[in-house]
Amino acid sequence: MKYNAEEAIALLRHLIATPSFSREEDATASILYEWLSERGASPQRFKNNVWAMAGEYDPSKPTLMLNSHHDTVRPSASYTRDPFEPTVEDDHLYGLGSNDAGASVVSLATAFLELRREKLPFNLLLALTAAEEVMAPDGMRAFLPEMKRLGIRIDMALVGEPTGMAPAIAERGLLVLDGVARGVAGHAARNEGVNAIYKAIEAIERLRSFSPERVSDVLGPIKVSVTQIEAGRQHNVVPDECRFVVDVRTTDAYTNETTAEMLAATAGCELVARSTRVHASVIPLEHPLVKAAMELGREPFVSPTTSDMALMHSIPSLKMGPGRSERSHSANEFVLLSEIRSAIPVYISIIKSISLP
């Protein structure tokens, strides 16, 4: 078949007009399922994740997953347009989720339809998933175990997010740590007790100087920032507890679990990770997926934002899609129609030119 960009744009307009906040994507999952069914793709649905395989799965071949998400954030109060009214003005298509990541969803889905009957050296899996904006349990966190249960091994992933169709080869991971420094309450006037604030300051200074031995070749050093602190209830009482929050941007040099352990040992006080699931992601420049993008003149970069790549812990993943990151989560979000029209053939060219060893 010859892909139809205008059908992709019409699908995006339908998605924009249908609220799909994270954890509430039932309606857009139905739209995507029906759209793929009408075009003979035989989609499957697991929770609000819609997926399809190009032909029969061949376990002797590797699998390339084409992934993007159809959930959105809630519209900000700064919107001056109806976020659910897909309005076209010149080359602009306005609407919530148009840029992040509806344009990637429809572009990847169209590329999948174009290639699903091609003889490729790998299985081609389309996965349009839910709950990416909040990384909730029913999105990618549920989808990957479901594929494993079905016996489908995913070997590499092309993740659609707004990057201006530049290939993002890496993302930092994220740890949020809750720290508690404990002292002994006492009367401030009599210089009694052990001030927990001072103990917290000592811990924070140690965290500021944290410098592990290994540094990522791509992402550089781990970044540690104390972003919240709270202590004391009365001006004349030495506080016996000081709580603080540490934002840690992790790299591939250490796992999140190891990083949390090293920071807790460094701080010398209670320091507990809220979650360790948002891992750093790095794909080597020599990976066939990256090489295919670079052969089209696309310049790799390190992304400052996170995506479901953070949950694909053992899957080499490349992030690339139409639109611009700075438009995401902004008021009066938009994508250019020309960005969608040009993204589809680029996706097709990259997928067809992947050369496996």
Protein backbone atom coordinates (compact mmCIF):
# COMPACT_ATOMS: atom_id res chain seq x y z
CA MET A 1 0.00 0.00 0.00
CA LYS A 2 0.97 3.64 -0.30
CA TYR A 3 0.69 5.42 3.01
CA ASN A 4 -1.90 8.17 3.38
CA ALA A 5 -0.71 11.07 5.52
CA GLU A 6 -4.13 12.71 5.37
CA GLU A 7 -5.70 9.65 7.00
CA ALA A 8 -3.10 9.93 9.75
CA ILE A 9 -3.97 13.60 10.28
CA ALA A 10 -7.69 12.78 10.37
CA LEU A 11 -6.97 10.13 13.03
CA LEU A 12 -5.01 12.66 15.07
CA ARG A 13 -7.90 15.10 14.94
CA HIS A 14 -10.20 12.36 16.24
CA LEU A 15 -7.78 11.61 19.08
CA ILE A 16 -7.48 15.29 20.04
CA ALA A 17 -11.27 15.57 20.23
CA THR A 18 -11.38 12.62 22.65
CA PRO A 19 -10.13 13.25 26.22
CA SER A 20 -7.44 10.72 27.15
CA PHE A 21 -5.89 11.79 30.43
CA SER A 22 -3.47 9.30 31.95
CA ARG A 23 -5.37 6.37 33.48
CA GLU A 24 -8.48 7.48 31.51
CA GLU A 25 -7.55 6.44 27.96
CA ASP A 26 -10.32 3.92 27.29
CA ALA A 27 -11.92 5.96 24.50
CA THR A 28 -8.72 6.66 22.53
CA ALA A 29 -7.69 3.01 22.91
CA SER A 30 -11.00 2.08 21.25
CA ILE A 31 -10.43 4.61 18.47
CA LEU A 32 -6.97 3.23 17.71
CA TYR A 33 -8.16 -0.36 17.88
CA GLU A 34 -10.98 0.32 15.42
CA TRP A 35 -8.76 2.36 13.08
CA LEU A 36 -6.20 -0.44 12.85
CA SER A 37 -8.91 -3.09 12.51
CA GLU A 38 -10.51 -1.25 9.61
CA ARG A 39 -7.14 -1.37 7.83
CA GLY A 40 -6.66 -5.09 8.36
CA ALA A 41 -3.93 -4.90 11.00
CA SER A 42 -5.60 -7.39 13.40
CA PRO A 43 -4.84 -5.37 16.56
CA GLN A 44 -4.95 -6.69 20.09
CA ARG A 45 -5.83 -4.80 23.25
CA PHE A 46 -4.39 -5.26 26.72
CA LYS A 47 -5.92 -2.83 29.20
CA ASN A 48 -5.69 0.50 27.29
CA ASN A 49 -2.63 -0.59 25.35
CA VAL A 50 -3.29 -1.35 21.68
CA TRP A 51 -0.80 -3.48 19.78
CA ALA A 52 -0.38 -5.36 16.53
CA MET A 53 2.18 -7.67 14.98
CA ALA A 54 3.07 -7.50 11.30
CA GLY A 55 2.28 -11.07 10.32
CA GLU A 56 3.00 -14.10 12.47
CA TYR A 57 5.57 -13.71 15.22
CA ASP A 58 8.76 -15.57 14.33
CA PRO A 59 10.76 -16.39 17.49
CA SER A 60 13.88 -16.99 15.38
CA LYS A 61 13.95 -13.31 14.41
CA PRO A 62 14.59 -10.26 16.61
CA THR A 63 11.68 -7.89 17.20
CA LEU A 64 11.51 -4.14 16.61
CA MET A 65 8.83 -2.40 18.65
CA LEU A 66 7.35 0.85 17.35
CA ASN A 67 6.00 2.59 20.43
CA SER A 68 4.29 5.80 21.38
CA HIS A 69 1.65 6.81 23.92
CA HIS A 70 -1.90 8.08 23.49
CA ASP A 71 -2.48 9.45 26.98
CA THR A 72 -2.14 13.16 27.74
CA VAL A 73 -1.59 15.46 30.67
CA ARG A 74 -4.49 17.63 31.79
CA PRO A 75 -4.74 21.00 30.04
CA SER A 76 -3.19 23.93 31.87
CA ALA A 77 -5.27 26.89 33.03
CA SER A 78 -3.40 29.05 30.50
CA TYR A 79 -5.21 27.59 27.48
CA THR A 80 -7.01 30.21 25.43
CA ARG A 81 -8.32 27.60 22.97
CA ASP A 82 -10.56 24.61 23.56
CA PRO A 83 -7.95 21.87 24.16
CA PHE A 84 -10.30 19.27 22.64
CA GLU A 85 -11.11 21.22 19.49
CA PRO A 86 -8.70 20.10 16.73
CA THR A 87 -8.29 23.40 14.92
CA VAL A 88 -6.21 23.81 11.77
CA GLU A 89 -4.74 27.22 10.98
CA ASP A 90 -2.32 27.33 8.08
CA ASP A 91 0.17 24.52 8.87
CA HIS A 92 -0.73 24.34 12.58
CA LEU A 93 -2.95 21.68 14.14
CA TYR A 94 -3.91 22.82 17.65
CA GLY A 95 -5.16 20.59 20.44
CA LEU A 96 -4.18 18.75 23.61
CA GLY A 97 -1.90 15.82 22.81
CA SER A 98 -1.31 16.91 19.22
CA ASN A 99 2.43 17.26 19.77
CA ASP A 100 2.90 14.94 22.78
CA ALA A 101 2.53 12.40 21.47
CA GLY A 102 -0.41 12.14 19.06
CA ALA A 103 1.67 13.07 16.02
CA SER A 104 4.08 10.21 16.81
CA VAL A 105 1.20 7.78 17.40
CA VAL A 106 -0.41 8.36 14.01
CA SER A 107 2.91 8.56 12.15
CA LEU A 108 4.22 5.29 13.59
CA ALA A 109 0.85 3.59 13.05
CA THR A 110 0.86 4.69 9.41
CA ALA A 111 4.45 3.53 8.91
CA PHE A 112 3.51 0.18 10.46
CA LEU A 113 0.61 -0.27 8.04
CA GLU A 114 2.89 0.57 5.13
CA LEU A 115 5.50 -2.00 6.19
CA ARG A 116 3.46 -4.80 7.73
CA ARG A 117 3.54 -6.93 4.58
CA GLU A 118 7.22 -6.22 3.81
CA LYS A 119 9.81 -8.98 4.19
CA LEU A 120 11.91 -7.58 7.01
CA PRO A 121 14.76 -9.31 8.87
CA PHE A 122 12.88 -8.76 12.14
CA ASN A 123 9.39 -8.96 13.58
CA LEU A 124 7.60 -5.61 13.56
CA LEU A 125 5.47 -4.82 16.60
CA LEU A 126 3.32 -1.71 16.94
CA ALA A 127 2.57 -0.75 20.56
CA LEU A 128 0.40 2.29 21.26
CA THR A 129 0.47 2.40 25.02
CA ALA A 130 -1.22 4.20 27.89
CA ALA A 131 -0.25 5.99 31.10
CA GLU A 132 3.15 7.24 29.90
CA GLU A 133 2.75 10.70 31.39
CA VAL A 134 2.53 9.27 34.90
CA MET A 135 4.24 5.90 34.29
CA ALA A 136 1.25 4.24 35.92
CA PRO A 137 1.09 0.44 36.35
CA ASP A 138 -1.36 -0.18 33.48
CA GLY A 139 0.83 1.31 30.73
CA MET A 140 4.27 0.14 29.63
CA ARG A 141 4.84 -1.35 33.08
CA ALA A 142 2.05 -3.84 32.32
CA PHE A 143 2.58 -4.15 28.57
CA LEU A 144 6.15 -5.47 28.67
CA PRO A 145 5.34 -8.30 31.12
CA GLU A 146 2.32 -9.18 28.95
CA MET A 147 4.55 -9.53 25.89
CA LYS A 148 6.87 -11.74 27.91
CA ARG A 149 3.92 -13.86 29.03
CA LEU A 150 2.90 -14.30 25.39
CA GLY A 151 6.43 -15.37 24.47
CA ILE A 152 7.18 -12.21 22.45
CA ARG A 153 10.78 -11.05 22.92
CA ILE A 154 11.42 -7.36 22.18
CA ASP A 155 14.99 -6.70 21.07
CA MET A 156 14.91 -2.99 20.14
CA ALA A 157 12.46 -0.11 20.19
CA LEU A 158 11.78 3.04 18.22
CA VAL A 159 9.94 5.35 20.61
CA GLY A 160 7.83 8.18 19.21
CA GLU A 161 8.16 11.42 21.16
CA PRO A 162 8.49 15.01 19.89
CA THR A 163 12.18 15.47 19.04
CA GLY A 164 11.96 17.25 15.69
CA MET A 165 12.75 13.81 14.19
CA ALA A 166 16.25 13.97 15.68
CA PRO A 167 17.32 10.64 17.23
CA ALA A 168 17.69 10.79 21.00
CA ILE A 169 20.17 8.11 22.02
CA ALA A 170 20.00 8.65 25.77
CA GLU A 171 17.86 9.85 28.65
CA ARG A 172 18.82 10.30 32.27
CA GLY A 173 17.03 8.25 34.88
CA LEU A 174 15.37 9.66 37.98
CA LEU A 175 15.51 8.92 41.69
CA VAL A 176 13.58 10.85 44.30
CA LEU A 177 14.98 10.23 47.77
CA ASP A 178 13.36 11.15 51.08
CA GLY A 179 15.90 12.02 53.76
CA VAL A 180 15.45 12.29 57.51
CA ALA A 181 18.07 13.64 59.91
CA ARG A 182 17.19 12.97 63.55
CA GLY A 183 18.27 14.91 66.61
CA VAL A 184 17.03 15.52 70.15
CA ALA A 185 14.47 18.19 71.02
CA GLY A 186 15.47 20.85 73.52
CA HIS A 187 14.91 24.46 74.61
CA ALA A 188 16.76 26.87 72.30
CA ALA A 189 17.46 29.37 75.09
CA ARG A 190 19.27 26.80 77.21
CA ASN A 191 21.22 25.33 74.28
CA GLU A 192 19.72 21.92 74.93
CA GLY A 193 19.20 19.02 72.56
CA VAL A 194 20.74 18.02 69.25
CA ASN A 195 19.62 20.18 66.33
CA ALA A 196 18.36 17.98 63.46
CA ILE A 197 18.74 20.90 61.04
CA TYR A 198 22.48 20.99 61.62
CA LYS A 199 22.67 17.23 61.11
CA ALA A 200 20.72 17.62 57.87
CA ILE A 201 23.10 20.37 56.70
CA GLU A 202 26.03 18.03 57.26
CA ALA A 203 24.27 15.28 55.26
CA ILE A 204 23.40 17.70 52.46
CA GLU A 205 27.00 18.90 52.23
CA ARG A 206 28.14 15.30 51.86
CA LEU A 207 25.56 14.78 49.11
CA ARG A 208 26.74 17.95 47.33
CA SER A 209 30.25 16.55 47.15
CA PHE A 210 29.11 13.09 46.03
CA SER A 211 31.45 11.97 43.25
CA PRO A 212 31.34 8.26 42.37
CA GLU A 213 34.20 6.59 40.57
CA ARG A 214 32.39 5.81 37.32
CA VAL A 215 31.07 8.50 34.95
CA SER A 216 28.86 7.77 31.94
CA ASP A 217 30.55 8.34 28.59
CA VAL A 218 27.27 9.68 27.17
CA LEU A 219 25.37 11.21 30.10
CA GLY A 220 28.28 12.45 32.18
CA PRO A 221 28.17 12.51 36.01
CA ILE A 222 25.18 11.76 38.21
CA LYS A 223 23.40 15.00 39.21
CA VAL A 224 22.26 15.36 42.82
CA SER A 225 20.06 18.25 43.97
CA VAL A 226 18.38 18.84 47.33
CA THR A 227 15.08 20.46 46.38
CA GLN A 228 12.94 20.52 49.55
CA ILE A 229 13.60 20.82 53.28
CA GLU A 230 11.33 21.03 56.32
CA ALA A 231 11.98 21.22 60.07
CA GLY A 232 10.81 22.89 63.25
CA ARG A 233 7.44 23.91 64.63
CA GLN A 234 8.36 26.62 67.16
CA HIS A 235 11.07 29.28 67.20
CA ASN A 236 12.26 28.35 70.69
CA VAL A 237 12.44 24.55 70.31
CA VAL A 238 15.47 22.77 68.85
CA PRO A 239 13.94 20.43 66.25
CA ASP A 240 14.46 16.71 66.67
CA GLU A 241 13.74 15.92 63.01
CA CYS A 242 14.60 17.52 59.67
CA ARG A 243 13.18 16.11 56.45
CA PHE A 244 14.54 16.83 53.00
CA VAL A 245 14.05 15.63 49.42
CA VAL A 246 16.81 14.80 46.97
CA ASP A 247 16.31 14.86 43.18
CA VAL A 248 18.85 12.57 41.48
CA ARG A 249 19.33 12.36 37.72
CA THR A 250 20.97 9.00 37.19
CA THR A 251 23.09 7.58 34.38
CA ASP A 252 23.98 4.23 32.91
CA ALA A 253 27.19 4.12 34.95
CA TYR A 254 25.28 2.64 37.90
CA THR A 255 21.84 1.13 38.37
CA ASN A 256 19.29 3.22 40.24
CA GLU A 257 19.40 0.73 43.10
CA THR A 258 23.18 1.01 43.44
CA THR A 259 23.04 4.80 43.18
CA ALA A 260 20.47 4.97 45.99
CA GLU A 261 22.64 2.74 48.18
CA MET A 262 25.75 4.86 47.56
CA LEU A 263 23.91 8.10 48.34
CA ALA A 264 22.43 6.69 51.54
CA ALA A 265 25.91 5.63 52.68
CA THR A 266 27.26 9.08 51.77
CA ALA A 267 24.53 11.04 53.57
CA GLY A 268 24.97 9.19 56.84
CA CYS A 269 21.31 9.50 57.70
CA GLU A 270 18.06 7.87 56.66
CA LEU A 271 17.65 8.22 52.86
CA VAL A 272 14.96 6.15 51.15
CA ALA A 273 14.07 5.98 47.44
CA ARG A 274 10.41 6.48 46.58
CA SER A 275 10.93 4.38 43.45
CA THR A 276 13.83 3.05 41.38
CA ARG A 277 11.93 2.21 38.17
CA VAL A 278 12.86 5.29 36.07
CA HIS A 279 16.19 4.11 34.72
CA ALA A 280 18.68 5.88 32.47
CA SER A 281 18.60 4.73 28.86
CA VAL A 282 21.56 4.70 26.48
CA ILE A 283 21.75 3.05 23.06
CA PRO A 284 25.20 2.69 21.45
CA LEU A 285 25.97 4.73 18.35
CA GLU A 286 26.90 1.52 16.56
CA HIS A 287 23.46 -0.05 17.12
CA PRO A 288 21.72 -0.77 13.77
CA LEU A 289 18.75 1.42 14.75
CA VAL A 290 20.98 4.43 15.41
CA LYS A 291 23.07 3.81 12.32
CA ALA A 292 19.92 3.67 10.17
CA ALA A 293 18.85 7.09 11.49
CA MET A 294 22.32 8.59 11.07
CA GLU A 295 22.54 7.34 7.48
CA LEU A 296 19.60 9.64 6.74
CA GLY A 297 21.62 12.57 8.06
CA ARG A 298 19.94 12.65 11.47
CA GLU A 299 22.20 13.92 14.26
CA PRO A 300 21.99 12.00 17.56
CA PHE A 301 21.53 13.91 20.82
CA VAL A 302 20.95 13.35 24.53
CA SER A 303 17.38 14.09 25.55
CA PRO A 304 16.70 16.22 28.65
CA THR A 305 13.26 14.64 29.10
CA THR A 306 12.10 11.16 30.08
CA SER A 307 9.76 8.74 28.35
CA ASP A 308 8.75 5.11 28.49
CA MET A 309 12.32 4.34 27.43
CA ALA A 310 13.03 4.59 31.15
CA LEU A 311 10.97 1.43 31.68
CA MET A 312 12.62 -0.56 28.87
CA HIS A 313 15.53 -1.54 31.07
CA SER A 314 17.12 -4.16 28.83
CA ILE A 315 15.83 -3.02 25.43
CA PRO A 316 18.05 -0.77 23.25
CA SER A 317 15.74 2.15 22.46
CA LEU A 318 15.87 5.20 20.22
CA LYS A 319 13.52 8.16 20.80
CA MET A 320 12.47 10.07 17.70
CA GLY A 321 9.29 11.75 16.55
CA PRO A 322 7.56 14.72 14.92
CA GLY A 323 6.92 17.87 16.90
CA ARG A 324 9.06 19.76 19.39
CA SER A 325 9.68 18.94 23.03
CA GLU A 326 9.20 22.55 24.15
CA ARG A 327 5.54 22.45 22.99
CA SER A 328 4.74 19.49 25.23
CA HIS A 329 2.50 20.23 28.23
CA SER A 330 2.21 23.86 27.10
CA ALA A 331 -0.95 25.90 26.65
CA ASN A 332 -2.39 25.89 23.11
CA GLU A 333 -0.28 22.87 22.18
CA PHE A 334 0.16 22.30 18.46
CA VAL A 335 1.96 20.26 15.86
CA LEU A 336 2.69 21.20 12.27
CA LEU A 337 0.91 19.18 9.62
CA SER A 338 4.12 19.29 7.58
CA GLU A 339 5.92 17.60 10.49
CA ILE A 340 3.56 14.63 10.29
CA ARG A 341 3.72 14.44 6.50
CA SER A 342 7.51 14.38 6.58
CA ALA A 343 7.84 12.06 9.60
CA ILE A 344 6.02 9.11 8.04
CA PRO A 345 8.45 8.55 5.13
CA VAL A 346 11.42 9.09 7.47
CA TYR A 347 10.13 6.39 9.81
CA ILE A 348 9.56 4.07 6.85
CA SER A 349 13.05 4.70 5.47
CA ILE A 350 14.73 4.10 8.84
CA ILE A 351 12.87 0.84 9.47
CA LYS A 352 13.53 -0.48 5.95
CA SER A 353 17.24 0.40 6.14
CA ILE A 354 17.98 -1.32 9.47
CA SER A 355 20.81 -3.73 8.75
CA LEU A 356 21.23 -6.47 11.31
CA PRO A 357 24.56 -8.25 11.77
